[in-house]
């Protein structure tokens, strides 16, 4: 074989080896990608069913018979029952105190945890939108000090739900929303989700979700989402409503001290026969709840969150739970 032919053969061998190397590398990369996709899918399914276990455990807790519910020192919802005794009455946590500490459980290769949110401890915006003074005070309590901003949000919320196309002094209708990118129409109907408020003129992500690392006195916000709901109830549970909600409903410092220091109330105090600003009425036992259940591995390296809205109806042990809203991949910034 001539020298130049041997050189060509060697070059061909080198090219073939390089091509095989590229093919093998690409194959190995593809296999690693497929393995990672499969593992991620398996982990996601595991987290999902762990979160489902948390939802089911929370539903079991909500199904117990209770006379009133309140928040403990850690902010957990506790369900309590008043048992008649010869010497009077006794309050017993109906799957409350001990369960509040056990809402995080190891199961199989992972962990599920959940929290129960009392939606009647918040203000229903579909009811409050009729009363601008309640909305205005609630916005003030969440850290919105600028009156112009509060007026803009209140007027825009009322414009969002009314049927006409005439905007209020500081409000907004289609003429404003259609000029945005992307454009959209005013709903002209009730709020369907609390996140819908992010579409309202004047409501920013910071106002809605809050600024947890910035104090309100420094210009931060407590987060409107923590004080509102969209349930069909016009009741507010005085045992679980935060101070900001009670102030929005019209109570001054003196009455708030009496109200908050007397928790948990087992009967409506005389000073609470009605809220000063009307529209809402006080309650001790809630019917609307939200479950946020999280499934994760033991190291906390991944998770899946399910949010379920629950309506509890009935009396005693004859109660029925109905899922009114479901998000099986819930995310909150």
C-alpha atoms as a PDB file:
ATOM      1  CA  UNK A   1       0.000   0.000   0.000  1.00  0.00           C
ATOM      2  CA  UNK A   2       1.305   3.377  -0.915  1.00  0.00           C
ATOM      3  CA  UNK A   3       2.151   5.888   1.799  1.00  0.00           C
ATOM      4  CA  UNK A   4      -0.647   8.306   0.808  1.00  0.00           C
ATOM      5  CA  UNK A   5      -3.197   5.483   0.836  1.00  0.00           C
ATOM      6  CA  UNK A   6      -2.115   4.482   4.360  1.00  0.00           C
ATOM      7  CA  UNK A   7      -2.565   8.130   5.427  1.00  0.00           C
ATOM      8  CA  UNK A   8      -6.071   8.227   3.977  1.00  0.00           C
ATOM      9  CA  UNK A   9      -6.965   4.964   5.756  1.00  0.00           C
ATOM     10  CA  UNK A  10      -5.671   6.338   9.058  1.00  0.00           C
ATOM     11  CA  UNK A  11      -7.675   9.546   8.563  1.00  0.00           C
ATOM     12  CA  UNK A  12     -10.815   7.535   7.823  1.00  0.00           C
ATOM     13  CA  UNK A  13     -10.313   5.458  10.981  1.00  0.00           C
ATOM     14  CA  UNK A  14      -9.871   8.608  13.048  1.00  0.00           C
ATOM     15  CA  UNK A  15     -13.023  10.134  11.566  1.00  0.00           C
ATOM     16  CA  UNK A  16     -15.008   6.959  12.248  1.00  0.00           C
ATOM     17  CA  UNK A  17     -13.731   6.840  15.853  1.00  0.00           C
ATOM     18  CA  UNK A  18     -14.661  10.486  16.345  1.00  0.00           C
ATOM     19  CA  UNK A  19     -18.123   9.843  14.915  1.00  0.00           C
ATOM     20  CA  UNK A  20     -18.606   6.810  17.158  1.00  0.00           C
ATOM     21  CA  UNK A  21     -17.459   8.858  20.142  1.00  0.00           C
ATOM     22  CA  UNK A  22     -20.051  11.527  19.356  1.00  0.00           C
ATOM     23  CA  UNK A  23     -22.777   8.899  18.916  1.00  0.00           C
ATOM     24  CA  UNK A  24     -21.873   7.143  22.177  1.00  0.00           C
ATOM     25  CA  UNK A  25     -21.712  10.465  24.046  1.00  0.00           C
ATOM     26  CA  UNK A  26     -25.073  11.540  22.666  1.00  0.00           C
ATOM     27  CA  UNK A  27     -26.567   8.146  23.515  1.00  0.00           C
ATOM     28  CA  UNK A  28     -25.222   8.332  27.077  1.00  0.00           C
ATOM     29  CA  UNK A  29     -26.560  11.877  27.461  1.00  0.00           C
ATOM     30  CA  UNK A  30     -29.968  10.800  26.149  1.00  0.00           C
ATOM     31  CA  UNK A  31     -30.035   7.867  28.551  1.00  0.00           C
ATOM     32  CA  UNK A  32     -29.147  10.111  31.486  1.00  0.00           C
ATOM     33  CA  UNK A  33     -31.861  12.541  30.408  1.00  0.00           C
ATOM     34  CA  UNK A  34     -34.405   9.725  30.173  1.00  0.00           C
ATOM     35  CA  UNK A  35     -33.394   8.422  33.599  1.00  0.00           C
ATOM     36  CA  UNK A  36     -33.724  11.907  35.110  1.00  0.00           C
ATOM     37  CA  UNK A  37     -37.119  12.427  33.470  1.00  0.00           C
ATOM     38  CA  UNK A  38     -38.319   9.078  34.778  1.00  0.00           C
ATOM     39  CA  UNK A  39     -36.986   9.788  38.267  1.00  0.00           C
ATOM     40  CA  UNK A  40     -38.554  13.265  38.293  1.00  0.00           C
ATOM     41  CA  UNK A  41     -41.876  11.828  37.134  1.00  0.00           C
ATOM     42  CA  UNK A  42     -41.706   9.152  39.816  1.00  0.00           C
ATOM     43  CA  UNK A  43     -40.857  11.739  42.497  1.00  0.00           C
ATOM     44  CA  UNK A  44     -43.614  14.066  41.319  1.00  0.00           C
ATOM     45  CA  UNK A  45     -46.185  11.265  41.479  1.00  0.00           C
ATOM     46  CA  UNK A  46     -44.938  10.292  44.913  1.00  0.00           C
ATOM     47  CA  UNK A  47     -45.212  13.891  46.133  1.00  0.00           C
ATOM     48  CA  UNK A  48     -48.671  14.176  44.575  1.00  0.00           C
ATOM     49  CA  UNK A  49     -50.072  11.144  46.367  1.00  0.00           C
ATOM     50  CA  UNK A  50     -48.434  12.199  49.619  1.00  0.00           C
ATOM     51  CA  UNK A  51     -50.206  15.546  49.243  1.00  0.00           C
ATOM     52  CA  UNK A  52     -53.441  13.655  48.511  1.00  0.00           C
ATOM     53  CA  UNK A  53     -52.913  11.769  51.758  1.00  0.00           C
ATOM     54  CA  UNK A  54     -52.636  15.127  53.510  1.00  0.00           C
ATOM     55  CA  UNK A  55     -55.914  16.260  51.937  1.00  0.00           C
ATOM     56  CA  UNK A  56     -57.679  13.083  53.052  1.00  0.00           C
ATOM     57  CA  UNK A  57     -56.311  13.444  56.576  1.00  0.00           C
ATOM     58  CA  UNK A  58     -57.514  17.041  56.708  1.00  0.00           C
ATOM     59  CA  UNK A  59     -60.974  15.990  55.454  1.00  0.00           C
ATOM     60  CA  UNK A  60     -61.116  13.421  58.247  1.00  0.00           C
ATOM     61  CA  UNK A  61     -60.345  16.192  60.715  1.00  0.00           C
ATOM     62  CA  UNK A  62     -63.043  18.435  59.247  1.00  0.00           C
ATOM     63  CA  UNK A  63     -65.632  15.658  59.448  1.00  0.00           C
ATOM     64  CA  UNK A  64     -65.622  15.503  63.264  1.00  0.00           C
ATOM     65  CA  UNK A  65     -68.483  16.924  65.278  1.00  0.00           C
ATOM     66  CA  UNK A  66     -67.603  20.290  66.821  1.00  0.00           C
ATOM     67  CA  UNK A  67     -69.452  23.226  68.365  1.00  0.00           C
ATOM     68  CA  UNK A  68     -66.980  25.992  67.570  1.00  0.00           C
ATOM     69  CA  UNK A  69     -63.520  26.468  66.091  1.00  0.00           C
ATOM     70  CA  UNK A  70     -60.682  28.850  66.867  1.00  0.00           C
ATOM     71  CA  UNK A  71     -56.961  29.431  66.325  1.00  0.00           C
ATOM     72  CA  UNK A  72     -54.345  28.231  68.793  1.00  0.00           C
ATOM     73  CA  UNK A  73     -51.169  30.129  69.650  1.00  0.00           C
ATOM     74  CA  UNK A  74     -49.437  28.819  66.521  1.00  0.00           C
ATOM     75  CA  UNK A  75     -52.247  29.887  64.200  1.00  0.00           C
ATOM     76  CA  UNK A  76     -53.605  26.350  63.713  1.00  0.00           C
ATOM     77  CA  UNK A  77     -57.355  25.820  63.405  1.00  0.00           C
ATOM     78  CA  UNK A  78     -58.676  23.860  66.394  1.00  0.00           C
ATOM     79  CA  UNK A  79     -62.116  22.253  66.506  1.00  0.00           C
ATOM     80  CA  UNK A  80     -63.730  22.134  69.948  1.00  0.00           C
ATOM     81  CA  UNK A  81     -66.852  20.593  71.423  1.00  0.00           C
ATOM     82  CA  UNK A  82     -68.728  21.600  74.555  1.00  0.00           C
ATOM     83  CA  UNK A  83     -69.620  18.535  76.607  1.00  0.00           C
ATOM     84  CA  UNK A  84     -72.398  18.836  79.227  1.00  0.00           C
ATOM     85  CA  UNK A  85     -71.243  17.756  82.694  1.00  0.00           C
ATOM     86  CA  UNK A  86     -72.960  17.770  86.090  1.00  0.00           C
ATOM     87  CA  UNK A  87     -70.794  20.706  87.162  1.00  0.00           C
ATOM     88  CA  UNK A  88     -71.288  22.727  84.001  1.00  0.00           C
ATOM     89  CA  UNK A  89     -69.624  22.455  80.601  1.00  0.00           C
ATOM     90  CA  UNK A  90     -66.243  21.314  79.415  1.00  0.00           C
ATOM     91  CA  UNK A  91     -64.401  22.303  76.295  1.00  0.00           C
ATOM     92  CA  UNK A  92     -62.575  19.433  74.627  1.00  0.00           C
ATOM     93  CA  UNK A  93     -60.439  19.794  71.496  1.00  0.00           C
ATOM     94  CA  UNK A  94     -62.229  17.640  68.931  1.00  0.00           C
ATOM     95  CA  UNK A  95     -59.152  16.296  67.134  1.00  0.00           C
ATOM     96  CA  UNK A  96     -57.747  19.763  67.610  1.00  0.00           C
ATOM     97  CA  UNK A  97     -54.814  20.387  69.921  1.00  0.00           C
ATOM     98  CA  UNK A  98     -52.961  17.145  69.435  1.00  0.00           C
ATOM     99  CA  UNK A  99     -53.769  16.992  65.738  1.00  0.00           C
ATOM    100  CA  UNK A 100     -52.517  20.524  65.185  1.00  0.00           C
ATOM    101  CA  UNK A 101     -49.100  19.252  66.242  1.00  0.00           C
ATOM    102  CA  UNK A 102     -49.504  16.117  64.107  1.00  0.00           C
ATOM    103  CA  UNK A 103     -50.309  17.746  60.802  1.00  0.00           C
ATOM    104  CA  UNK A 104     -46.891  16.656  59.546  1.00  0.00           C
ATOM    105  CA  UNK A 105     -46.531  12.897  59.127  1.00  0.00           C
ATOM    106  CA  UNK A 106     -43.898  10.554  57.695  1.00  0.00           C
ATOM    107  CA  UNK A 107     -45.396   8.073  55.243  1.00  0.00           C
ATOM    108  CA  UNK A 108     -43.435   5.552  53.200  1.00  0.00           C
ATOM    109  CA  UNK A 109     -40.469   7.269  51.570  1.00  0.00           C
ATOM    110  CA  UNK A 110     -41.720  10.796  52.129  1.00  0.00           C
ATOM    111  CA  UNK A 111     -43.677  13.180  54.301  1.00  0.00           C
ATOM    112  CA  UNK A 112     -47.015  14.912  54.030  1.00  0.00           C
ATOM    113  CA  UNK A 113     -48.100  18.005  55.886  1.00  0.00           C
ATOM    114  CA  UNK A 114     -51.175  20.166  55.703  1.00  0.00           C
ATOM    115  CA  UNK A 115     -52.811  23.212  57.155  1.00  0.00           C
ATOM    116  CA  UNK A 116     -56.465  24.079  57.462  1.00  0.00           C
ATOM    117  CA  UNK A 117     -57.431  27.688  56.756  1.00  0.00           C
ATOM    118  CA  UNK A 118     -60.682  29.058  58.147  1.00  0.00           C
ATOM    119  CA  UNK A 119     -62.084  31.111  55.256  1.00  0.00           C
ATOM    120  CA  UNK A 120     -64.760  32.594  57.521  1.00  0.00           C
ATOM    121  CA  UNK A 121     -62.014  34.200  59.560  1.00  0.00           C
ATOM    122  CA  UNK A 122     -61.497  36.417  56.513  1.00  0.00           C
ATOM    123  CA  UNK A 123     -63.585  38.955  54.636  1.00  0.00           C
ATOM    124  CA  UNK A 124     -65.551  37.727  51.643  1.00  0.00           C
ATOM    125  CA  UNK A 125     -64.791  40.257  48.899  1.00  0.00           C
ATOM    126  CA  UNK A 126     -67.976  39.345  47.035  1.00  0.00           C
ATOM    127  CA  UNK A 127     -69.911  40.653  50.039  1.00  0.00           C
ATOM    128  CA  UNK A 128     -67.533  43.448  51.090  1.00  0.00           C
ATOM    129  CA  UNK A 129     -67.504  44.973  47.603  1.00  0.00           C
ATOM    130  CA  UNK A 130     -70.915  46.436  48.493  1.00  0.00           C
ATOM    131  CA  UNK A 131     -69.380  48.355  51.409  1.00  0.00           C
ATOM    132  CA  UNK A 132     -66.527  50.661  50.378  1.00  0.00           C
ATOM    133  CA  UNK A 133     -65.723  51.632  53.994  1.00  0.00           C
ATOM    134  CA  UNK A 134     -64.906  48.007  54.889  1.00  0.00           C
ATOM    135  CA  UNK A 135     -62.696  47.599  51.822  1.00  0.00           C
ATOM    136  CA  UNK A 136     -60.945  50.899  52.421  1.00  0.00           C
ATOM    137  CA  UNK A 137     -60.187  50.103  56.062  1.00  0.00           C
ATOM    138  CA  UNK A 138     -58.992  46.591  55.201  1.00  0.00           C
ATOM    139  CA  UNK A 139     -56.575  47.991  52.617  1.00  0.00           C
ATOM    140  CA  UNK A 140     -55.314  50.457  55.205  1.00  0.00           C
ATOM    141  CA  UNK A 141     -54.789  47.652  57.732  1.00  0.00           C
ATOM    142  CA  UNK A 142     -52.747  45.654  55.204  1.00  0.00           C
ATOM    143  CA  UNK A 143     -50.298  48.531  54.810  1.00  0.00           C
ATOM    144  CA  UNK A 144     -51.659  50.667  51.964  1.00  0.00           C
ATOM    145  CA  UNK A 145     -51.262  54.130  53.460  1.00  0.00           C
ATOM    146  CA  UNK A 146     -51.797  56.176  50.304  1.00  0.00           C
ATOM    147  CA  UNK A 147     -55.465  57.195  50.122  1.00  0.00           C
ATOM    148  CA  UNK A 148     -55.286  57.588  46.341  1.00  0.00           C
ATOM    149  CA  UNK A 149     -54.136  53.955  45.972  1.00  0.00           C
ATOM    150  CA  UNK A 150     -56.886  52.705  48.289  1.00  0.00           C
ATOM    151  CA  UNK A 151     -59.547  54.700  46.440  1.00  0.00           C
ATOM    152  CA  UNK A 152     -58.298  53.376  43.103  1.00  0.00           C
ATOM    153  CA  UNK A 153     -58.461  49.748  44.252  1.00  0.00           C
ATOM    154  CA  UNK A 154     -61.879  50.093  45.925  1.00  0.00           C
ATOM    155  CA  UNK A 155     -63.477  51.887  42.955  1.00  0.00           C
ATOM    156  CA  UNK A 156     -61.877  49.434  40.500  1.00  0.00           C
ATOM    157  CA  UNK A 157     -63.140  46.425  42.477  1.00  0.00           C
ATOM    158  CA  UNK A 158     -66.677  47.811  42.376  1.00  0.00           C
ATOM    159  CA  UNK A 159     -66.340  48.543  38.648  1.00  0.00           C
ATOM    160  CA  UNK A 160     -65.050  44.992  38.095  1.00  0.00           C
ATOM    161  CA  UNK A 161     -68.248  43.383  39.419  1.00  0.00           C
ATOM    162  CA  UNK A 162     -70.923  45.843  38.233  1.00  0.00           C
ATOM    163  CA  UNK A 163     -72.681  45.291  34.912  1.00  0.00           C
ATOM    164  CA  UNK A 164     -72.259  48.708  33.334  1.00  0.00           C
ATOM    165  CA  UNK A 165     -69.283  50.151  31.455  1.00  0.00           C
ATOM    166  CA  UNK A 166     -69.144  53.431  33.381  1.00  0.00           C
ATOM    167  CA  UNK A 167     -66.136  53.695  35.656  1.00  0.00           C
ATOM    168  CA  UNK A 168     -66.146  55.434  39.034  1.00  0.00           C
ATOM    169  CA  UNK A 169     -63.976  58.461  39.797  1.00  0.00           C
ATOM    170  CA  UNK A 170     -60.831  56.392  40.495  1.00  0.00           C
ATOM    171  CA  UNK A 171     -62.017  53.126  38.962  1.00  0.00           C
ATOM    172  CA  UNK A 172     -61.493  51.282  35.689  1.00  0.00           C
ATOM    173  CA  UNK A 173     -63.588  49.559  33.038  1.00  0.00           C
ATOM    174  CA  UNK A 174     -62.890  48.039  29.603  1.00  0.00           C
ATOM    175  CA  UNK A 175     -61.405  51.269  28.271  1.00  0.00           C
ATOM    176  CA  UNK A 176     -58.523  50.881  30.739  1.00  0.00           C
ATOM    177  CA  UNK A 177     -58.059  47.110  30.724  1.00  0.00           C
ATOM    178  CA  UNK A 178     -58.119  46.840  26.919  1.00  0.00           C
ATOM    179  CA  UNK A 179     -55.196  49.288  26.754  1.00  0.00           C
ATOM    180  CA  UNK A 180     -52.965  46.907  28.746  1.00  0.00           C
ATOM    181  CA  UNK A 181     -50.632  44.247  27.380  1.00  0.00           C
ATOM    182  CA  UNK A 182     -52.131  41.702  27.149  1.00  0.00           C
ATOM    183  CA  UNK A 183     -55.590  43.315  26.988  1.00  0.00           C
ATOM    184  CA  UNK A 184     -58.624  41.877  28.770  1.00  0.00           C
ATOM    185  CA  UNK A 185     -62.181  42.856  29.663  1.00  0.00           C
ATOM    186  CA  UNK A 186     -63.610  43.796  33.053  1.00  0.00           C
ATOM    187  CA  UNK A 187     -65.470  40.753  34.343  1.00  0.00           C
ATOM    188  CA  UNK A 188     -68.808  42.420  35.204  1.00  0.00           C
ATOM    189  CA  UNK A 189     -69.467  39.649  37.718  1.00  0.00           C
ATOM    190  CA  UNK A 190     -68.495  38.169  41.066  1.00  0.00           C
ATOM    191  CA  UNK A 191     -64.910  37.235  41.885  1.00  0.00           C
ATOM    192  CA  UNK A 192     -64.274  33.539  41.226  1.00  0.00           C
ATOM    193  CA  UNK A 193     -60.832  33.322  42.859  1.00  0.00           C
ATOM    194  CA  UNK A 194     -58.905  35.573  45.204  1.00  0.00           C
ATOM    195  CA  UNK A 195     -56.079  35.676  42.620  1.00  0.00           C
ATOM    196  CA  UNK A 196     -58.499  37.489  40.315  1.00  0.00           C
ATOM    197  CA  UNK A 197     -57.763  40.617  42.343  1.00  0.00           C
ATOM    198  CA  UNK A 198     -54.358  40.738  40.640  1.00  0.00           C
ATOM    199  CA  UNK A 199     -56.240  41.867  37.511  1.00  0.00           C
ATOM    200  CA  UNK A 200     -57.699  44.879  39.321  1.00  0.00           C
ATOM    201  CA  UNK A 201     -56.250  48.311  38.634  1.00  0.00           C
ATOM    202  CA  UNK A 202     -53.923  49.330  41.466  1.00  0.00           C
ATOM    203  CA  UNK A 203     -53.385  45.810  42.899  1.00  0.00           C
ATOM    204  CA  UNK A 204     -49.718  44.847  42.568  1.00  0.00           C
ATOM    205  CA  UNK A 205     -48.121  41.512  43.448  1.00  0.00           C
ATOM    206  CA  UNK A 206     -46.580  43.139  46.547  1.00  0.00           C
ATOM    207  CA  UNK A 207     -49.958  44.443  47.725  1.00  0.00           C
ATOM    208  CA  UNK A 208     -51.642  41.107  47.054  1.00  0.00           C
ATOM    209  CA  UNK A 209     -49.019  38.642  48.359  1.00  0.00           C
ATOM    210  CA  UNK A 210     -47.313  40.954  50.845  1.00  0.00           C
ATOM    211  CA  UNK A 211     -43.667  41.809  51.492  1.00  0.00           C
ATOM    212  CA  UNK A 212     -42.707  39.437  54.348  1.00  0.00           C
ATOM    213  CA  UNK A 213     -39.145  40.715  54.671  1.00  0.00           C
ATOM    214  CA  UNK A 214     -40.155  44.357  54.883  1.00  0.00           C
ATOM    215  CA  UNK A 215     -42.030  45.840  57.829  1.00  0.00           C
ATOM    216  CA  UNK A 216     -45.248  47.745  57.173  1.00  0.00           C
ATOM    217  CA  UNK A 217     -43.767  50.790  58.893  1.00  0.00           C
ATOM    218  CA  UNK A 218     -41.000  50.709  56.269  1.00  0.00           C
ATOM    219  CA  UNK A 219     -43.473  50.710  53.394  1.00  0.00           C
ATOM    220  CA  UNK A 220     -44.155  46.961  53.256  1.00  0.00           C
ATOM    221  CA  UNK A 221     -47.495  45.168  52.933  1.00  0.00           C
ATOM    222  CA  UNK A 222     -49.088  42.371  54.964  1.00  0.00           C
ATOM    223  CA  UNK A 223     -50.648  40.781  51.877  1.00  0.00           C
ATOM    224  CA  UNK A 224     -54.297  41.200  50.970  1.00  0.00           C
ATOM    225  CA  UNK A 225     -54.535  37.471  50.193  1.00  0.00           C
ATOM    226  CA  UNK A 226     -54.166  36.686  53.915  1.00  0.00           C
ATOM    227  CA  UNK A 227     -57.352  38.552  54.854  1.00  0.00           C
ATOM    228  CA  UNK A 228     -59.858  37.876  52.062  1.00  0.00           C
ATOM    229  CA  UNK A 229     -61.858  34.990  50.624  1.00  0.00           C
ATOM    230  CA  UNK A 230     -64.447  34.487  47.892  1.00  0.00           C
ATOM    231  CA  UNK A 231     -66.785  32.144  49.793  1.00  0.00           C
ATOM    232  CA  UNK A 232     -70.527  32.605  49.639  1.00  0.00           C
ATOM    233  CA  UNK A 233     -70.791  33.427  53.337  1.00  0.00           C
ATOM    234  CA  UNK A 234     -71.430  36.825  54.926  1.00  0.00           C
ATOM    235  CA  UNK A 235     -70.280  35.554  58.329  1.00  0.00           C
ATOM    236  CA  UNK A 236     -66.959  36.219  60.089  1.00  0.00           C
ATOM    237  CA  UNK A 237     -65.713  33.842  62.787  1.00  0.00           C
ATOM    238  CA  UNK A 238     -64.647  36.035  65.709  1.00  0.00           C
ATOM    239  CA  UNK A 239     -62.443  33.245  67.102  1.00  0.00           C
ATOM    240  CA  UNK A 240     -60.273  33.035  63.992  1.00  0.00           C
ATOM    241  CA  UNK A 241     -60.492  36.481  62.403  1.00  0.00           C
ATOM    242  CA  UNK A 242     -57.202  38.423  62.627  1.00  0.00           C
ATOM    243  CA  UNK A 243     -57.106  41.847  64.196  1.00  0.00           C
ATOM    244  CA  UNK A 244     -56.907  43.508  60.770  1.00  0.00           C
ATOM    245  CA  UNK A 245     -60.241  41.969  59.744  1.00  0.00           C
ATOM    246  CA  UNK A 246     -61.967  43.001  62.972  1.00  0.00           C
ATOM    247  CA  UNK A 247     -60.686  46.561  62.605  1.00  0.00           C
ATOM    248  CA  UNK A 248     -61.982  46.645  59.030  1.00  0.00           C
ATOM    249  CA  UNK A 249     -65.386  45.621  60.373  1.00  0.00           C
ATOM    250  CA  UNK A 250     -65.422  48.628  62.660  1.00  0.00           C
ATOM    251  CA  UNK A 251     -64.031  47.743  66.088  1.00  0.00           C
ATOM    252  CA  UNK A 252     -61.898  50.233  67.998  1.00  0.00           C
ATOM    253  CA  UNK A 253     -58.974  49.500  70.337  1.00  0.00           C
ATOM    254  CA  UNK A 254     -61.067  49.160  73.510  1.00  0.00           C
ATOM    255  CA  UNK A 255     -63.498  46.625  72.051  1.00  0.00           C
ATOM    256  CA  UNK A 256     -60.692  44.737  70.325  1.00  0.00           C
ATOM    257  CA  UNK A 257     -58.918  44.191  73.653  1.00  0.00           C
ATOM    258  CA  UNK A 258     -62.097  42.661  75.093  1.00  0.00           C
ATOM    259  CA  UNK A 259     -62.705  40.573  72.015  1.00  0.00           C
ATOM    260  CA  UNK A 260     -59.172  39.235  71.533  1.00  0.00           C
ATOM    261  CA  UNK A 261     -58.477  38.579  75.227  1.00  0.00           C
ATOM    262  CA  UNK A 262     -61.675  36.544  75.537  1.00  0.00           C
ATOM    263  CA  UNK A 263     -60.778  34.023  72.844  1.00  0.00           C
ATOM    264  CA  UNK A 264     -61.877  31.358  72.294  1.00  0.00           C
ATOM    265  CA  UNK A 265     -65.455  32.547  72.713  1.00  0.00           C
ATOM    266  CA  UNK A 266     -68.110  29.863  73.181  1.00  0.00           C
ATOM    267  CA  UNK A 267     -70.968  32.320  72.733  1.00  0.00           C
ATOM    268  CA  UNK A 268     -71.305  35.634  70.932  1.00  0.00           C
ATOM    269  CA  UNK A 269     -70.345  38.448  73.363  1.00  0.00           C
ATOM    270  CA  UNK A 270     -72.899  41.206  73.889  1.00  0.00           C
ATOM    271  CA  UNK A 271     -70.600  43.707  72.178  1.00  0.00           C
ATOM    272  CA  UNK A 272     -70.700  41.562  69.058  1.00  0.00           C
ATOM    273  CA  UNK A 273     -74.415  41.334  68.411  1.00  0.00           C
ATOM    274  CA  UNK A 274     -73.523  42.994  65.140  1.00  0.00           C
ATOM    275  CA  UNK A 275     -70.465  44.490  63.489  1.00  0.00           C
ATOM    276  CA  UNK A 276     -70.492  48.316  63.522  1.00  0.00           C
ATOM    277  CA  UNK A 277     -70.204  48.548  59.721  1.00  0.00           C
ATOM    278  CA  UNK A 278     -72.963  46.008  59.066  1.00  0.00           C
ATOM    279  CA  UNK A 279     -72.956  43.737  55.971  1.00  0.00           C
ATOM    280  CA  UNK A 280     -71.348  40.872  57.918  1.00  0.00           C
ATOM    281  CA  UNK A 281     -72.525  39.011  61.017  1.00  0.00           C
ATOM    282  CA  UNK A 282     -70.408  37.345  63.733  1.00  0.00           C
ATOM    283  CA  UNK A 283     -70.083  33.568  64.037  1.00  0.00           C
ATOM    284  CA  UNK A 284     -68.301  30.960  66.166  1.00  0.00           C
ATOM    285  CA  UNK A 285     -68.496  27.926  63.894  1.00  0.00           C
ATOM    286  CA  UNK A 286     -67.278  28.052  60.313  1.00  0.00           C
ATOM    287  CA  UNK A 287     -68.466  26.186  57.237  1.00  0.00           C
ATOM    288  CA  UNK A 288     -65.908  27.246  54.613  1.00  0.00           C
ATOM    289  CA  UNK A 289     -62.326  26.014  54.823  1.00  0.00           C
ATOM    290  CA  UNK A 290     -59.288  25.649  52.593  1.00  0.00           C
ATOM    291  CA  UNK A 291     -56.816  22.775  52.837  1.00  0.00           C
ATOM    292  CA  UNK A 292     -53.245  23.258  51.668  1.00  0.00           C
ATOM    293  CA  UNK A 293     -51.490  19.886  51.690  1.00  0.00           C
ATOM    294  CA  UNK A 294     -47.825  19.361  50.802  1.00  0.00           C
ATOM    295  CA  UNK A 295     -46.086  16.134  49.808  1.00  0.00           C
ATOM    296  CA  UNK A 296     -42.269  16.041  49.880  1.00  0.00           C
ATOM    297  CA  UNK A 297     -39.309  13.775  50.489  1.00  0.00           C
ATOM    298  CA  UNK A 298     -37.681  13.596  53.899  1.00  0.00           C
ATOM    299  CA  UNK A 299     -34.884  15.967  52.845  1.00  0.00           C
ATOM    300  CA  UNK A 300     -37.351  18.589  51.616  1.00  0.00           C
ATOM    301  CA  UNK A 301     -35.662  18.667  48.198  1.00  0.00           C
ATOM    302  CA  UNK A 302     -38.924  18.653  46.247  1.00  0.00           C
ATOM    303  CA  UNK A 303     -42.614  19.073  46.883  1.00  0.00           C
ATOM    304  CA  UNK A 304     -46.117  19.144  45.444  1.00  0.00           C
ATOM    305  CA  UNK A 305     -48.873  21.276  46.947  1.00  0.00           C
ATOM    306  CA  UNK A 306     -52.601  20.641  46.586  1.00  0.00           C
ATOM    307  CA  UNK A 307     -55.140  23.264  47.572  1.00  0.00           C
ATOM    308  CA  UNK A 308     -58.764  22.245  48.125  1.00  0.00           C
ATOM    309  CA  UNK A 309     -61.698  24.471  49.091  1.00  0.00           C
ATOM    310  CA  UNK A 310     -64.201  22.663  51.288  1.00  0.00           C
ATOM    311  CA  UNK A 311     -67.782  23.438  52.305  1.00  0.00           C
ATOM    312  CA  UNK A 312     -68.954  21.718  55.485  1.00  0.00           C
ATOM    313  CA  UNK A 313     -72.690  21.362  55.915  1.00  0.00           C
ATOM    314  CA  UNK A 314     -74.898  19.570  58.424  1.00  0.00           C
ATOM    315  CA  UNK A 315     -75.210  19.206  62.163  1.00  0.00           C
ATOM    316  CA  UNK A 316     -73.704  16.820  64.667  1.00  0.00           C
ATOM    317  CA  UNK A 317     -72.413  13.687  63.013  1.00  0.00           C
ATOM    318  CA  UNK A 318     -74.706  14.163  60.022  1.00  0.00           C
ATOM    319  CA  UNK A 319     -72.342  16.533  58.261  1.00  0.00           C
ATOM    320  CA  UNK A 320     -71.341  16.494  54.617  1.00  0.00           C
ATOM    321  CA  UNK A 321     -68.099  17.767  53.109  1.00  0.00           C
ATOM    322  CA  UNK A 322     -68.169  19.090  49.564  1.00  0.00           C
ATOM    323  CA  UNK A 323     -65.100  20.045  47.531  1.00  0.00           C
ATOM    324  CA  UNK A 324     -65.896  23.405  45.927  1.00  0.00           C
ATOM    325  CA  UNK A 325     -62.452  24.152  44.488  1.00  0.00           C
ATOM    326  CA  UNK A 326     -59.376  22.096  43.584  1.00  0.00           C
ATOM    327  CA  UNK A 327     -55.837  22.927  42.450  1.00  0.00           C
ATOM    328  CA  UNK A 328     -53.523  19.907  42.386  1.00  0.00           C
ATOM    329  CA  UNK A 329     -50.411  21.889  41.508  1.00  0.00           C
ATOM    330  CA  UNK A 330     -50.754  24.971  43.681  1.00  0.00           C
ATOM    331  CA  UNK A 331     -47.975  27.548  43.749  1.00  0.00           C
ATOM    332  CA  UNK A 332     -47.751  30.792  45.674  1.00  0.00           C
ATOM    333  CA  UNK A 333     -44.818  33.220  45.274  1.00  0.00           C
END
